[in-house]
Amino acid sequence: MSVFKITSLCVLSVVTYLSSHQLMAEEWFEFRGPTGQGHSTIKSLPTVWSPTEHVLWKTDIPGVGWSSPIVVGDKVYVTTAVPTSEDKLPEQSLRVVCLNLETGDILWDKEVFQETKETAQRIHKKNSHASPTPISDGKVIYVHFGTFGTACLTLDGKEVWKTDELKYEMQHGNGGSPIIVDDKLVIICDGKGSNFIAALNRNTGKIEWKVDRNVEGRKKFSFGTPLLITVNGEKQIVAPGTDVISGHSPKDGKEIWHLNYTGYSVIPRPVFSHGLIFVTTSYDRPSLLAIRPDGKGDVTDTHLAWSNKSQIPHTPSLLVVGDELYAVSDKGIAQCFDAKTGELIWKERVGGNYSASPLYADGKIYFQSEEGETTIIEAGKKYKEIGRNHLKEPTLASYAVAGDTLLIRTKTQLYRIGK
């Protein structure tokens, strides 16, 4: 073989390795990806698919779960709940399913907790018994099933620890996902009668701290996922909930600030950009709030930068791209705001109903409807639709990204979509 050919092959191998490494460098370890705010750095995600077109694989997932998938190396993890009886309110096997990223084959399927006849609870028709998304640090995975328990597993499914110490009476099932903060796993627990934020030791599962939230009113429940931010060089855990959003110290959970509003069943995860926390207040009539998180104590009257009450989502989280803030309501109204001022830039009806949170990648925004249709638009100050793709099956789960492919969970399937 000539020196030229050997050199060319070496260069090709290096380029191929680097391209593959760059594609997989983004770690989709948690709900809404690396930042927890729905952004992907991948430049070549697919924009065209159907139930048969550009499907790299699809795999039946047992049971029902609306948690989003996460990706750790060459494995995909989802949680699910499998009924184990035929009762009107059946017992549930609460499970973790691990799939091979390349083939979609199920590598293992493990029961972690069981919802028994005595503990079985009614849930909202749009919820599942396995809605919180798992989270990983790349070495282990953590799963949460509300009051039924929280667990740490190895990537091969071996139990490291599990606990059911976070007891509270849920309303409509569980929902909020945990986050990793240093050596802690932080979870919001907002139920019928008790509202608190807790931090578990990531190595043992023991409670490191637990902070009660004083929530008044008849409807106390919410389904919040916290967000870790940094303000003036200091970390804060931002925790949305019923009637209040607050910032907390990761060390001991001590409240730094709080802002009161009227709202319950709060589902959307906050986003942080331009020095502002953006959150929606959910039911009954949601408001979109832009909050400066640099205050102390009660900042209700001092740190609200702007707000809006028109067609605001109850369920999907928000998305910030550049200077624009994007939202899609549960009834399919998409809006674009100036993130700094709250000025409405455009409003369009995209159609369908929405629970999943939007995704941004390479100048494009992906909206996933409950009916299984994705609407892709160009991010910008004018509404420009790029395309629509339909999987013909309900989906409430949010996207995950694996290399230059999308993972989309429907009611019965997990799809890997590529080009």
Protein backbone atom coordinates (compact mmCIF):
# COMPACT_ATOMS: atom_id res chain seq x y z
CA MET A 1 0.00 0.00 0.00
CA SER A 2 1.34 3.43 -0.91
CA VAL A 3 2.28 6.03 1.73
CA PHE A 4 -0.46 8.28 0.29
CA LYS A 5 -3.12 5.63 0.84
CA ILE A 6 -1.92 4.85 4.35
CA THR A 7 -1.89 8.57 5.22
CA SER A 8 -5.35 9.07 3.73
CA LEU A 9 -6.75 6.15 5.71
CA CYS A 10 -5.20 7.48 8.91
CA VAL A 11 -6.66 10.93 8.30
CA LEU A 12 -10.05 9.43 7.49
CA SER A 13 -9.92 7.35 10.68
CA VAL A 14 -9.04 10.40 12.77
CA VAL A 15 -11.80 12.50 11.15
CA THR A 16 -14.32 9.70 11.66
CA TYR A 17 -13.28 9.29 15.29
CA LEU A 18 -13.43 13.03 15.97
CA SER A 19 -16.80 13.38 14.26
CA SER A 20 -18.21 10.50 16.28
CA HIS A 21 -16.65 11.84 19.47
CA GLN A 22 -18.06 15.31 18.86
CA LEU A 23 -21.52 13.93 18.16
CA MET A 24 -21.53 11.89 21.36
CA ALA A 25 -19.82 14.57 23.47
CA GLU A 26 -23.19 16.01 24.45
CA GLU A 27 -24.46 14.12 27.47
CA TRP A 28 -28.23 13.78 27.72
CA PHE A 29 -28.21 12.74 31.37
CA GLU A 30 -31.41 14.41 32.59
CA PHE A 31 -34.81 15.89 31.76
CA ARG A 32 -34.35 18.51 29.00
CA GLY A 33 -30.70 17.69 28.44
CA PRO A 34 -27.28 19.03 29.47
CA THR A 35 -28.50 22.36 30.82
CA GLY A 36 -31.94 21.15 31.88
CA GLN A 37 -33.40 23.82 29.59
CA GLY A 38 -34.06 22.03 26.31
CA HIS A 39 -30.93 22.94 24.33
CA SER A 40 -28.87 20.63 22.13
CA THR A 41 -25.55 21.60 20.52
CA ILE A 42 -25.90 19.02 17.76
CA LYS A 43 -25.95 20.57 14.28
CA SER A 44 -27.55 17.76 12.28
CA LEU A 45 -30.68 16.46 13.97
CA PRO A 46 -33.30 14.96 11.66
CA THR A 47 -36.15 17.11 10.36
CA VAL A 48 -38.13 14.47 8.40
CA TRP A 49 -39.62 11.21 9.69
CA SER A 50 -42.74 9.07 9.96
CA PRO A 51 -43.61 5.76 11.68
CA THR A 52 -41.53 4.01 9.00
CA GLU A 53 -39.29 6.71 7.51
CA HIS A 54 -35.86 7.47 9.03
CA VAL A 55 -36.62 5.16 11.96
CA LEU A 56 -33.31 3.61 13.06
CA TRP A 57 -35.23 1.42 15.49
CA LYS A 58 -38.38 1.33 17.57
CA THR A 59 -38.89 -0.81 20.63
CA ASP A 60 -42.00 -1.76 22.59
CA ILE A 61 -41.71 -0.46 26.14
CA PRO A 62 -43.74 -2.52 28.64
CA GLY A 63 -46.33 -0.76 30.77
CA VAL A 64 -47.01 2.96 30.74
CA GLY A 65 -44.71 5.83 31.64
CA TRP A 66 -44.38 9.44 30.58
CA SER A 67 -40.82 9.93 31.81
CA SER A 68 -38.38 11.05 29.13
CA PRO A 69 -35.47 8.83 28.13
CA ILE A 70 -31.90 9.66 29.14
CA VAL A 71 -28.71 8.52 27.41
CA VAL A 72 -25.54 7.35 29.17
CA GLY A 73 -22.81 6.16 26.84
CA ASP A 74 -24.23 3.42 24.63
CA LYS A 75 -27.32 2.87 26.78
CA VAL A 76 -30.78 4.45 27.02
CA TYR A 77 -32.80 4.43 30.26
CA VAL A 78 -36.52 4.97 30.83
CA THR A 79 -38.86 4.26 33.73
CA THR A 80 -42.23 2.59 33.38
CA ALA A 81 -45.12 1.20 35.42
CA VAL A 82 -46.51 -2.24 34.60
CA PRO A 83 -49.91 -3.25 36.04
CA THR A 84 -49.67 -6.55 37.92
CA SER A 85 -53.38 -7.09 38.59
CA GLU A 86 -56.66 -6.58 36.82
CA ASP A 87 -58.29 -4.54 39.57
CA LYS A 88 -60.00 -1.25 38.81
CA LEU A 89 -57.10 0.35 40.67
CA PRO A 90 -54.34 -2.18 39.84
CA GLU A 91 -51.07 -2.77 41.59
CA GLN A 92 -48.08 -1.46 39.64
CA SER A 93 -44.56 -2.75 39.17
CA LEU A 94 -42.38 0.39 39.04
CA ARG A 95 -39.47 -0.42 36.76
CA VAL A 96 -36.37 0.80 34.96
CA VAL A 97 -35.75 -0.35 31.39
CA CYS A 98 -32.28 -0.20 29.80
CA LEU A 99 -31.86 -0.35 26.01
CA ASN A 100 -28.89 -0.65 23.69
CA LEU A 101 -28.56 2.72 21.94
CA GLU A 102 -27.38 1.25 18.65
CA THR A 103 -29.92 -1.56 18.26
CA GLY A 104 -32.84 -0.66 20.53
CA ASP A 105 -32.66 -4.09 22.18
CA ILE A 106 -33.76 -4.22 25.81
CA LEU A 107 -30.67 -5.14 27.85
CA TRP A 108 -32.44 -5.36 31.19
CA ASP A 109 -35.80 -4.56 32.78
CA LYS A 110 -35.77 -4.27 36.57
CA GLU A 111 -38.46 -3.74 39.19
CA VAL A 112 -37.35 -1.13 41.72
CA PHE A 113 -40.54 -0.53 43.72
CA GLN A 114 -44.05 -1.93 43.82
CA GLU A 115 -47.28 -0.02 44.20
CA THR A 116 -49.41 -2.47 46.16
CA LYS A 117 -53.14 -2.84 46.56
CA GLU A 118 -52.91 -0.96 49.86
CA THR A 119 -50.83 1.90 48.43
CA ALA A 120 -52.25 2.12 44.89
CA GLN A 121 -53.34 5.64 43.99
CA ARG A 122 -55.56 7.18 41.38
CA ILE A 123 -53.74 9.38 38.90
CA HIS A 124 -54.75 12.04 36.41
CA LYS A 125 -55.64 10.67 32.97
CA LYS A 126 -52.69 12.56 31.49
CA ASN A 127 -50.27 11.31 34.12
CA SER A 128 -48.61 7.93 34.65
CA HIS A 129 -47.25 6.03 37.63
CA ALA A 130 -43.76 6.61 36.17
CA SER A 131 -43.55 10.24 35.07
CA PRO A 132 -40.33 11.61 36.67
CA THR A 133 -37.36 11.34 34.32
CA PRO A 134 -34.23 9.49 35.56
CA ILE A 135 -30.95 11.36 36.01
CA SER A 136 -27.33 10.22 35.81
CA ASP A 137 -23.84 11.44 36.59
CA GLY A 138 -22.41 9.09 33.97
CA LYS A 139 -21.53 6.46 36.59
CA VAL A 140 -24.89 5.55 38.15
CA ILE A 141 -28.54 6.41 37.52
CA TYR A 142 -31.10 7.78 39.97
CA VAL A 143 -34.84 7.12 39.63
CA HIS A 144 -37.75 8.63 41.53
CA PHE A 145 -41.34 7.38 41.80
CA GLY A 146 -42.81 10.01 44.08
CA THR A 147 -43.81 8.80 47.55
CA PHE A 148 -43.17 5.18 46.51
CA GLY A 149 -39.45 5.68 46.57
CA THR A 150 -36.17 6.89 45.13
CA ALA A 151 -33.26 4.65 44.13
CA CYS A 152 -29.71 4.59 42.83
CA LEU A 153 -28.69 1.86 40.38
CA THR A 154 -25.48 1.00 38.58
CA LEU A 155 -25.53 1.34 34.82
CA ASP A 156 -25.99 -2.45 34.73
CA GLY A 157 -29.07 -2.30 36.95
CA LYS A 158 -27.62 -3.36 40.29
CA GLU A 159 -29.10 -1.66 43.33
CA VAL A 160 -26.77 0.76 45.14
CA TRP A 161 -29.44 2.06 47.52
CA LYS A 162 -33.13 2.79 47.66
CA THR A 163 -35.33 4.68 50.08
CA ASP A 164 -39.00 5.42 50.70
CA GLU A 165 -38.39 8.03 53.40
CA LEU A 166 -39.84 10.89 51.35
CA LYS A 167 -43.43 10.25 52.36
CA TYR A 168 -46.27 12.52 51.31
CA GLU A 169 -49.80 12.11 50.00
CA MET A 170 -49.71 12.62 46.25
CA GLN A 171 -52.51 14.16 44.19
CA HIS A 172 -52.99 12.83 40.63
CA GLY A 173 -49.73 10.82 40.87
CA ASN A 174 -46.08 11.82 40.76
CA GLY A 175 -44.40 14.13 38.28
CA GLY A 176 -41.37 16.25 39.20
CA SER A 177 -37.91 14.90 38.32
CA PRO A 178 -34.86 14.97 40.62
CA ILE A 179 -31.68 16.97 39.95
CA ILE A 180 -28.06 16.44 40.96
CA VAL A 181 -26.45 19.21 43.02
CA ASP A 182 -22.88 18.39 44.06
CA ASP A 183 -23.13 15.34 46.37
CA LYS A 184 -26.91 15.59 46.70
CA LEU A 185 -30.05 14.54 44.85
CA VAL A 186 -32.66 17.29 45.19
CA ILE A 187 -36.39 16.59 44.85
CA ILE A 188 -39.51 18.73 45.21
CA CYS A 189 -42.38 16.96 47.01
CA ASP A 190 -45.66 18.86 46.79
CA GLY A 191 -48.65 16.77 47.81
CA LYS A 192 -52.16 17.14 49.15
CA GLY A 193 -51.18 17.96 52.68
CA SER A 194 -47.43 18.48 52.80
CA ASN A 195 -45.05 20.53 50.69
CA PHE A 196 -41.29 20.27 51.04
CA ILE A 197 -37.96 20.19 49.23
CA ALA A 198 -35.52 17.44 50.16
CA ALA A 199 -31.89 16.61 49.45
CA LEU A 200 -30.70 13.00 49.59
CA ASN A 201 -27.07 11.98 49.95
CA ARG A 202 -26.15 10.61 46.52
CA ASN A 203 -23.98 7.87 48.01
CA THR A 204 -26.36 6.57 50.67
CA GLY A 205 -29.87 7.86 49.96
CA LYS A 206 -30.11 9.34 53.44
CA ILE A 207 -31.87 12.68 53.88
CA GLU A 208 -29.30 15.49 54.11
CA TRP A 209 -31.86 18.24 54.56
CA LYS A 210 -35.58 18.80 54.25
CA VAL A 211 -37.23 22.21 54.01
CA ASP A 212 -40.97 22.64 54.49
CA ARG A 213 -42.86 25.09 52.33
CA ASN A 214 -45.71 26.94 54.00
CA VAL A 215 -48.49 26.61 51.43
CA GLU A 216 -51.99 27.71 52.27
CA GLY A 217 -55.14 26.96 50.34
CA ARG A 218 -57.14 23.91 49.42
CA LYS A 219 -55.10 22.75 46.41
CA LYS A 220 -51.50 22.36 47.54
CA PHE A 221 -50.15 19.84 45.03
CA SER A 222 -47.65 20.52 42.24
CA PHE A 223 -45.17 18.57 40.09
CA GLY A 224 -42.12 20.79 39.94
CA THR A 225 -38.60 20.00 38.77
CA PRO A 226 -35.93 22.29 40.28
CA LEU A 227 -33.20 24.08 38.33
CA LEU A 228 -29.65 24.74 39.51
CA ILE A 229 -28.39 28.22 38.64
CA THR A 230 -25.49 30.48 39.64
CA VAL A 231 -26.15 34.05 40.80
CA ASN A 232 -23.22 36.35 41.62
CA GLY A 233 -20.92 33.34 41.83
CA GLU A 234 -23.18 31.42 44.24
CA LYS A 235 -25.23 28.33 43.41
CA GLN A 236 -28.98 28.39 43.93
CA ILE A 237 -31.62 25.71 43.66
CA VAL A 238 -34.70 27.31 42.10
CA ALA A 239 -37.83 25.44 43.17
CA PRO A 240 -41.27 26.15 41.64
CA GLY A 241 -44.36 25.05 43.53
CA THR A 242 -47.89 25.84 44.56
CA ASP A 243 -48.31 29.59 45.17
CA VAL A 244 -44.54 30.19 45.38
CA ILE A 245 -41.18 29.94 43.64
CA SER A 246 -38.05 30.12 45.76
CA GLY A 247 -34.27 30.00 45.68
CA HIS A 248 -32.39 27.77 48.13
CA SER A 249 -28.83 27.14 49.30
CA PRO A 250 -27.56 23.73 48.12
CA LYS A 251 -25.64 23.29 51.37
CA ASP A 252 -28.56 23.20 53.80
CA GLY A 253 -31.68 24.07 51.79
CA LYS A 254 -32.04 27.41 53.51
CA GLU A 255 -34.32 29.75 51.58
CA ILE A 256 -32.55 32.69 49.96
CA TRP A 257 -35.61 34.35 48.41
CA HIS A 258 -39.19 33.63 47.48
CA LEU A 259 -41.85 35.17 45.27
CA ASN A 260 -45.53 34.52 45.88
CA TYR A 261 -48.17 34.06 43.17
CA THR A 262 -51.49 32.28 42.80
CA GLY A 263 -51.23 28.87 41.13
CA TYR A 264 -51.22 25.14 41.81
CA SER A 265 -50.41 21.93 39.91
CA VAL A 266 -47.27 23.69 38.67
CA ILE A 267 -45.53 21.43 36.13
CA PRO A 268 -43.15 23.42 33.84
CA ARG A 269 -39.47 23.46 34.77
CA PRO A 270 -38.02 26.99 35.12
CA VAL A 271 -35.48 28.32 32.62
CA PHE A 272 -32.75 30.88 33.33
CA SER A 273 -31.31 33.45 30.94
CA HIS A 274 -30.47 37.17 30.80
CA GLY A 275 -30.30 37.21 34.59
CA LEU A 276 -33.96 36.20 34.82
CA ILE A 277 -35.82 33.10 35.96
CA PHE A 278 -38.81 32.32 33.73
CA VAL A 279 -41.61 30.22 35.19
CA THR A 280 -45.33 29.67 34.68
CA THR A 281 -47.84 29.37 37.50
CA SER A 282 -50.12 26.69 36.00
CA TYR A 283 -53.75 26.33 37.18
CA ASP A 284 -56.25 27.84 37.09
CA ARG A 285 -55.11 30.69 34.85
CA PRO A 286 -51.35 30.52 34.34
CA SER A 287 -49.10 33.54 34.29
CA LEU A 288 -45.64 33.72 32.78
CA LEU A 289 -43.28 35.41 35.25
CA ALA A 290 -39.80 36.82 34.69
CA ILE A 291 -38.01 37.08 38.04
CA ARG A 292 -34.65 38.51 39.09
CA PRO A 293 -33.15 35.86 41.42
CA ASP A 294 -30.66 38.15 43.16
CA GLY A 295 -32.89 39.21 46.05
CA LYS A 296 -33.23 38.20 49.68
CA GLY A 297 -36.35 37.21 51.58
CA ASP A 298 -39.78 38.05 50.16
CA VAL A 299 -39.17 39.58 46.70
CA THR A 300 -42.79 39.47 45.52
CA ASP A 301 -43.06 43.25 45.24
CA THR A 302 -39.49 44.00 44.14
CA HIS A 303 -38.06 41.40 41.76
CA LEU A 304 -40.77 40.66 39.19
CA ALA A 305 -39.35 42.03 35.93
CA TRP A 306 -42.43 41.36 33.78
CA SER A 307 -45.40 39.02 33.45
CA ASN A 308 -47.96 37.86 30.88
CA LYS A 309 -51.28 35.98 31.21
CA SER A 310 -52.24 35.33 27.59
CA GLN A 311 -52.25 31.70 26.36
CA ILE A 312 -49.54 30.61 28.82
CA PRO A 313 -48.77 26.87 29.13
CA HIS A 314 -49.94 24.78 32.07
CA THR A 315 -47.64 21.84 31.23
CA PRO A 316 -44.84 22.39 28.65
CA SER A 317 -41.71 24.12 29.91
CA LEU A 318 -40.43 27.30 28.31
CA LEU A 319 -37.46 27.77 25.97
CA VAL A 320 -35.03 30.67 25.63
CA VAL A 321 -32.97 31.07 22.44
CA GLY A 322 -30.84 34.19 22.23
CA ASP A 323 -32.99 37.18 23.16
CA GLU A 324 -36.27 35.36 22.53
CA LEU A 325 -38.45 33.35 24.90
CA TYR A 326 -40.67 30.69 23.32
CA ALA A 327 -43.76 29.01 24.77
CA VAL A 328 -46.40 26.61 23.50
CA SER A 329 -49.68 26.37 25.39
CA ASP A 330 -51.43 23.11 26.18
CA LYS A 331 -53.95 24.00 23.45
CA GLY A 332 -51.34 24.57 20.73
CA ILE A 333 -50.75 28.34 20.75
CA ALA A 334 -47.05 29.08 20.18
CA GLN A 335 -45.66 32.46 21.21
CA CYS A 336 -42.38 34.31 21.00
CA PHE A 337 -41.52 37.06 23.52
CA ASP A 338 -38.63 39.42 23.98
CA ALA A 339 -36.99 37.72 26.96
CA LYS A 340 -35.77 40.95 28.52
CA THR A 341 -38.93 43.04 28.24
CA GLY A 342 -41.79 40.56 27.78
CA GLU A 343 -42.90 42.22 24.53
CA LEU A 344 -44.88 39.80 22.35
CA ILE A 345 -43.08 39.28 19.03
CA TRP A 346 -45.41 36.75 17.40
CA LYS A 347 -48.25 34.34 18.20
CA GLU A 348 -49.34 31.39 16.03
CA ARG A 349 -51.70 28.46 16.36
CA VAL A 350 -49.67 25.32 15.62
CA GLY A 351 -52.55 22.95 16.34
CA GLY A 352 -52.88 19.93 18.61
CA ASN A 353 -52.48 19.64 22.36
CA TYR A 354 -49.17 19.83 24.21
CA SER A 355 -47.52 18.38 27.31
CA ALA A 356 -43.94 17.75 26.13
CA SER A 357 -41.39 20.53 26.46
CA PRO A 358 -39.85 22.03 23.29
CA LEU A 359 -36.31 21.37 22.05
CA TYR A 360 -33.84 23.76 20.40
CA ALA A 361 -31.01 22.67 18.10
CA ASP A 362 -29.14 24.29 15.22
CA GLY A 363 -31.51 27.21 14.70
CA LYS A 364 -34.63 25.03 14.92
CA ILE A 365 -37.32 24.53 17.56
CA TYR A 366 -39.16 21.21 17.87
CA PHE A 367 -42.69 21.15 19.35
CA GLN A 368 -44.05 17.65 20.14
CA SER A 369 -47.85 17.34 20.41
CA GLU A 370 -49.79 14.86 22.51
CA GLU A 371 -51.16 13.41 19.28
CA GLY A 372 -47.65 12.43 18.15
CA GLU A 373 -46.96 15.24 15.69
CA THR A 374 -43.76 17.30 15.74
CA THR A 375 -43.87 20.82 14.33
CA ILE A 376 -40.42 22.22 13.51
CA ILE A 377 -39.98 25.97 13.18
CA GLU A 378 -37.08 28.29 12.59
CA ALA A 379 -36.02 30.14 15.74
CA GLY A 380 -36.40 33.86 15.17
CA LYS A 381 -38.56 36.95 15.25
CA LYS A 382 -40.79 35.70 12.45
CA TYR A 383 -42.78 32.49 12.56
CA LYS A 384 -41.43 30.17 9.87
CA GLU A 385 -42.49 26.55 9.78
CA ILE A 386 -39.91 24.07 8.46
CA GLY A 387 -41.92 20.87 8.56
CA ARG A 388 -44.25 18.48 10.36
CA ASN A 389 -43.75 14.81 11.18
CA HIS A 390 -46.29 12.42 12.67
CA LEU A 391 -45.74 9.17 14.59
CA LYS A 392 -49.51 8.43 14.70
CA GLU A 393 -49.45 7.60 18.42
CA PRO A 394 -49.96 9.67 21.58
CA THR A 395 -46.88 11.09 23.29
CA LEU A 396 -46.52 13.28 26.36
CA ALA A 397 -42.81 12.66 26.98
CA SER A 398 -40.15 15.23 26.08
CA TYR A 399 -37.33 14.65 23.63
CA ALA A 400 -33.88 13.22 24.24
CA VAL A 401 -30.90 13.61 21.90
CA ALA A 402 -28.36 10.86 21.22
CA GLY A 403 -25.58 11.93 18.87
CA ASP A 404 -27.25 13.23 15.73
CA THR A 405 -30.51 11.37 16.43
CA LEU A 406 -33.72 11.99 18.35
CA LEU A 407 -35.30 9.71 20.92
CA ILE A 408 -39.09 10.06 21.06
CA ARG A 409 -41.24 8.08 23.46
CA THR A 410 -44.82 7.36 22.48
CA LYS A 411 -47.48 5.57 24.50
CA THR A 412 -46.12 2.12 23.61
CA GLN A 413 -42.83 2.66 21.77
CA LEU A 414 -39.44 4.28 22.04
CA TYR A 415 -38.23 5.54 18.64
CA ARG A 416 -34.73 6.46 17.57
CA ILE A 417 -35.01 8.81 14.61
CA GLY A 418 -32.06 9.61 12.34
CA LYS A 419 -31.27 10.82 8.88
